[in-house]
C-alpha cells in the first residue's frame, strides 16, 4: 500500500464497511483486525457495534504505513 489516501486505503475502508476489521486484515494488521471484529461483534449485541464499525472504516482509510513503529 502506498500510504494514506492511496487506492489501497480506499479498498481497505470499503472492506471494513462490509465487515469490521476486514480492511485492517487487507492491510496486514492482523491483531488490529481481530480486535475490531471481536469488539464490533460483542457491541452489536447491545446495539453499540456501529461505533466500532465506523472506527474500523475510518482507521482503514487513514492508515499510513510510514508512521508505523
N, C-alpha and C. Protein backbone atom coordinates (compact mmCIF):
# COMPACT_ATOMS: atom_id res chain seq x y z
N UNK A 1 0.84 -1.17 0.00
CA UNK A 1 0.00 0.00 0.00
C UNK A 1 0.89 1.24 0.00
N UNK A 2 0.48 2.26 -0.72
CA UNK A 2 1.29 3.46 -0.88
C UNK A 2 1.21 4.40 0.31
N UNK A 3 0.17 4.36 1.06
CA UNK A 3 0.06 5.25 2.22
C UNK A 3 -1.31 5.88 2.29
N UNK A 4 -1.44 6.82 3.22
CA UNK A 4 -2.71 7.47 3.47
C UNK A 4 -3.24 8.13 2.20
N UNK A 5 -4.51 7.92 1.92
CA UNK A 5 -5.14 8.49 0.74
C UNK A 5 -4.94 7.66 -0.52
N UNK A 6 -4.24 6.55 -0.41
CA UNK A 6 -3.99 5.72 -1.59
C UNK A 6 -5.22 4.88 -1.93
N UNK A 7 -5.22 4.33 -3.13
CA UNK A 7 -6.31 3.47 -3.55
C UNK A 7 -6.44 2.25 -2.66
N UNK A 8 -5.32 1.78 -2.13
CA UNK A 8 -5.36 0.63 -1.22
C UNK A 8 -6.12 0.93 0.05
N UNK A 9 -5.99 2.15 0.54
CA UNK A 9 -6.73 2.53 1.74
C UNK A 9 -8.22 2.65 1.46
N UNK A 10 -8.57 3.10 0.26
CA UNK A 10 -9.98 3.17 -0.11
C UNK A 10 -10.57 1.76 -0.16
N UNK A 11 -9.83 0.84 -0.75
CA UNK A 11 -10.27 -0.55 -0.80
C UNK A 11 -10.41 -1.13 0.61
N UNK A 12 -9.45 -0.83 1.48
CA UNK A 12 -9.49 -1.32 2.86
C UNK A 12 -10.69 -0.74 3.60
N UNK A 13 -10.96 0.54 3.39
CA UNK A 13 -12.12 1.17 4.04
C UNK A 13 -13.42 0.54 3.56
N UNK A 14 -13.50 0.25 2.26
CA UNK A 14 -14.69 -0.41 1.73
C UNK A 14 -14.84 -1.82 2.32
N UNK A 15 -13.74 -2.52 2.48
CA UNK A 15 -13.80 -3.86 3.08
C UNK A 15 -14.30 -3.78 4.51
N UNK A 16 -13.81 -2.77 5.25
CA UNK A 16 -14.26 -2.60 6.64
C UNK A 16 -15.71 -2.16 6.73
N UNK A 17 -16.20 -1.53 5.67
CA UNK A 17 -17.61 -1.13 5.64
C UNK A 17 -18.50 -2.37 5.71
N UNK A 18 -18.10 -3.43 5.02
CA UNK A 18 -18.91 -4.65 4.98
C UNK A 18 -18.66 -5.55 6.18
N UNK A 19 -17.41 -5.67 6.60
CA UNK A 19 -17.07 -6.49 7.77
C UNK A 19 -16.03 -5.73 8.58
N UNK A 20 -16.36 -5.33 9.81
CA UNK A 20 -15.41 -4.59 10.63
C UNK A 20 -14.12 -5.38 10.81
N UNK A 21 -12.99 -4.73 10.55
CA UNK A 21 -11.69 -5.39 10.71
C UNK A 21 -11.14 -5.98 9.42
N UNK A 22 -11.98 -6.16 8.42
CA UNK A 22 -11.51 -6.75 7.16
C UNK A 22 -10.51 -5.82 6.47
N UNK A 23 -10.73 -4.53 6.55
CA UNK A 23 -9.79 -3.58 5.95
C UNK A 23 -8.42 -3.64 6.60
N UNK A 24 -8.40 -3.77 7.93
CA UNK A 24 -7.13 -3.89 8.64
C UNK A 24 -6.44 -5.19 8.24
N UNK A 25 -7.21 -6.24 8.04
CA UNK A 25 -6.65 -7.52 7.62
C UNK A 25 -6.03 -7.40 6.22
N UNK A 26 -6.71 -6.70 5.33
CA UNK A 26 -6.19 -6.47 3.98
C UNK A 26 -4.86 -5.71 4.05
N UNK A 27 -4.73 -4.82 5.03
CA UNK A 27 -3.51 -4.03 5.20
C UNK A 27 -2.42 -4.80 5.94
N UNK A 28 -2.72 -6.02 6.37
CA UNK A 28 -1.73 -6.83 7.05
C UNK A 28 -1.65 -6.60 8.55
N UNK A 29 -2.63 -5.94 9.12
CA UNK A 29 -2.65 -5.66 10.56
C UNK A 29 -3.60 -6.65 11.24
N UNK A 30 -3.10 -7.85 11.47
CA UNK A 30 -3.91 -8.96 11.94
C UNK A 30 -4.47 -8.72 13.35
N UNK A 31 -3.64 -8.26 14.29
CA UNK A 31 -4.12 -8.03 15.65
C UNK A 31 -5.21 -6.97 15.70
N UNK A 32 -5.00 -5.87 14.98
CA UNK A 32 -5.99 -4.79 14.95
C UNK A 32 -7.27 -5.29 14.29
N UNK A 33 -7.15 -6.11 13.24
CA UNK A 33 -8.32 -6.67 12.56
C UNK A 33 -9.12 -7.53 13.53
N UNK A 34 -8.45 -8.38 14.27
CA UNK A 34 -9.14 -9.25 15.22
C UNK A 34 -9.83 -8.43 16.31
N UNK A 35 -9.14 -7.40 16.80
CA UNK A 35 -9.72 -6.53 17.83
C UNK A 35 -10.98 -5.86 17.31
N UNK A 36 -10.92 -5.29 16.11
CA UNK A 36 -12.08 -4.60 15.54
C UNK A 36 -13.25 -5.57 15.35
N UNK A 37 -12.97 -6.74 14.81
CA UNK A 37 -14.02 -7.71 14.54
C UNK A 37 -14.70 -8.18 15.82
N UNK A 38 -13.91 -8.58 16.80
CA UNK A 38 -14.46 -9.09 18.05
C UNK A 38 -15.20 -8.00 18.82
N UNK A 39 -14.60 -6.81 18.89
CA UNK A 39 -15.23 -5.71 19.62
C UNK A 39 -16.55 -5.31 18.97
N UNK A 40 -16.58 -5.24 17.65
CA UNK A 40 -17.82 -4.90 16.96
C UNK A 40 -18.88 -5.98 17.18
N UNK A 41 -18.47 -7.24 17.11
CA UNK A 41 -19.41 -8.35 17.31
C UNK A 41 -20.02 -8.31 18.71
N UNK A 42 -19.19 -8.08 19.70
CA UNK A 42 -19.67 -8.03 21.08
C UNK A 42 -20.61 -6.83 21.28
N UNK A 43 -20.20 -5.69 20.74
CA UNK A 43 -21.01 -4.49 20.95
C UNK A 43 -22.29 -4.47 20.12
N UNK A 44 -22.34 -5.23 19.01
CA UNK A 44 -23.59 -5.28 18.25
C UNK A 44 -24.69 -5.94 19.07
N UNK A 45 -24.31 -6.75 20.03
CA UNK A 45 -25.30 -7.41 20.88
C UNK A 45 -26.11 -6.36 21.65
N UNK A 46 -25.45 -5.28 22.06
CA UNK A 46 -26.13 -4.20 22.80
C UNK A 46 -26.37 -2.98 21.90
N UNK A 47 -26.38 -3.21 20.60
CA UNK A 47 -26.67 -2.18 19.59
C UNK A 47 -25.70 -1.00 19.60
N UNK A 48 -24.47 -1.22 20.05
CA UNK A 48 -23.46 -0.17 20.03
C UNK A 48 -22.32 -0.51 19.08
N UNK A 49 -22.45 -1.60 18.34
CA UNK A 49 -21.39 -2.04 17.44
C UNK A 49 -21.12 -1.06 16.30
N UNK A 50 -22.09 -0.20 15.97
CA UNK A 50 -21.89 0.76 14.90
C UNK A 50 -20.74 1.71 15.21
N UNK A 51 -20.46 1.95 16.49
CA UNK A 51 -19.34 2.83 16.86
C UNK A 51 -18.02 2.20 16.41
N UNK A 52 -17.81 0.94 16.74
CA UNK A 52 -16.59 0.25 16.34
C UNK A 52 -16.57 0.05 14.84
N UNK A 53 -17.73 -0.20 14.25
CA UNK A 53 -17.82 -0.38 12.81
C UNK A 53 -17.32 0.88 12.09
N UNK A 54 -17.79 2.04 12.51
CA UNK A 54 -17.33 3.31 11.92
C UNK A 54 -15.85 3.56 12.20
N UNK A 55 -15.40 3.23 13.42
CA UNK A 55 -13.99 3.38 13.77
C UNK A 55 -13.13 2.53 12.85
N UNK A 56 -13.58 1.33 12.57
CA UNK A 56 -12.85 0.42 11.69
C UNK A 56 -12.71 1.00 10.28
N UNK A 57 -13.78 1.58 9.76
CA UNK A 57 -13.75 2.17 8.42
C UNK A 57 -12.78 3.35 8.38
N UNK A 58 -12.89 4.24 9.34
CA UNK A 58 -12.03 5.43 9.37
C UNK A 58 -10.57 5.05 9.59
N UNK A 59 -10.32 4.10 10.47
CA UNK A 59 -8.95 3.65 10.73
C UNK A 59 -8.31 3.06 9.48
N UNK A 60 -9.06 2.27 8.73
CA UNK A 60 -8.53 1.68 7.50
C UNK A 60 -8.25 2.76 6.46
N UNK A 61 -9.12 3.76 6.38
CA UNK A 61 -8.95 4.82 5.39
C UNK A 61 -7.77 5.73 5.70
N UNK A 62 -7.50 5.96 6.97
CA UNK A 62 -6.45 6.91 7.37
C UNK A 62 -5.11 6.26 7.68
N UNK A 63 -4.99 4.94 7.53
CA UNK A 63 -3.77 4.22 7.86
C UNK A 63 -2.60 4.71 7.01
N UNK A 64 -1.49 4.99 7.64
CA UNK A 64 -0.27 5.43 6.96
C UNK A 64 0.87 4.50 7.39
N UNK A 65 1.28 3.57 6.53
CA UNK A 65 2.31 2.61 6.92
C UNK A 65 3.66 3.25 7.24
N UNK A 66 3.92 4.43 6.74
CA UNK A 66 5.20 5.08 7.03
C UNK A 66 5.29 5.56 8.47
N UNK A 67 4.14 5.65 9.15
CA UNK A 67 4.13 6.10 10.55
C UNK A 67 4.11 4.94 11.54
N UNK A 68 4.29 3.71 11.03
CA UNK A 68 4.33 2.53 11.88
C UNK A 68 5.65 2.49 12.63
N UNK A 69 5.60 1.96 13.85
CA UNK A 69 6.80 1.85 14.68
C UNK A 69 7.71 0.77 14.18
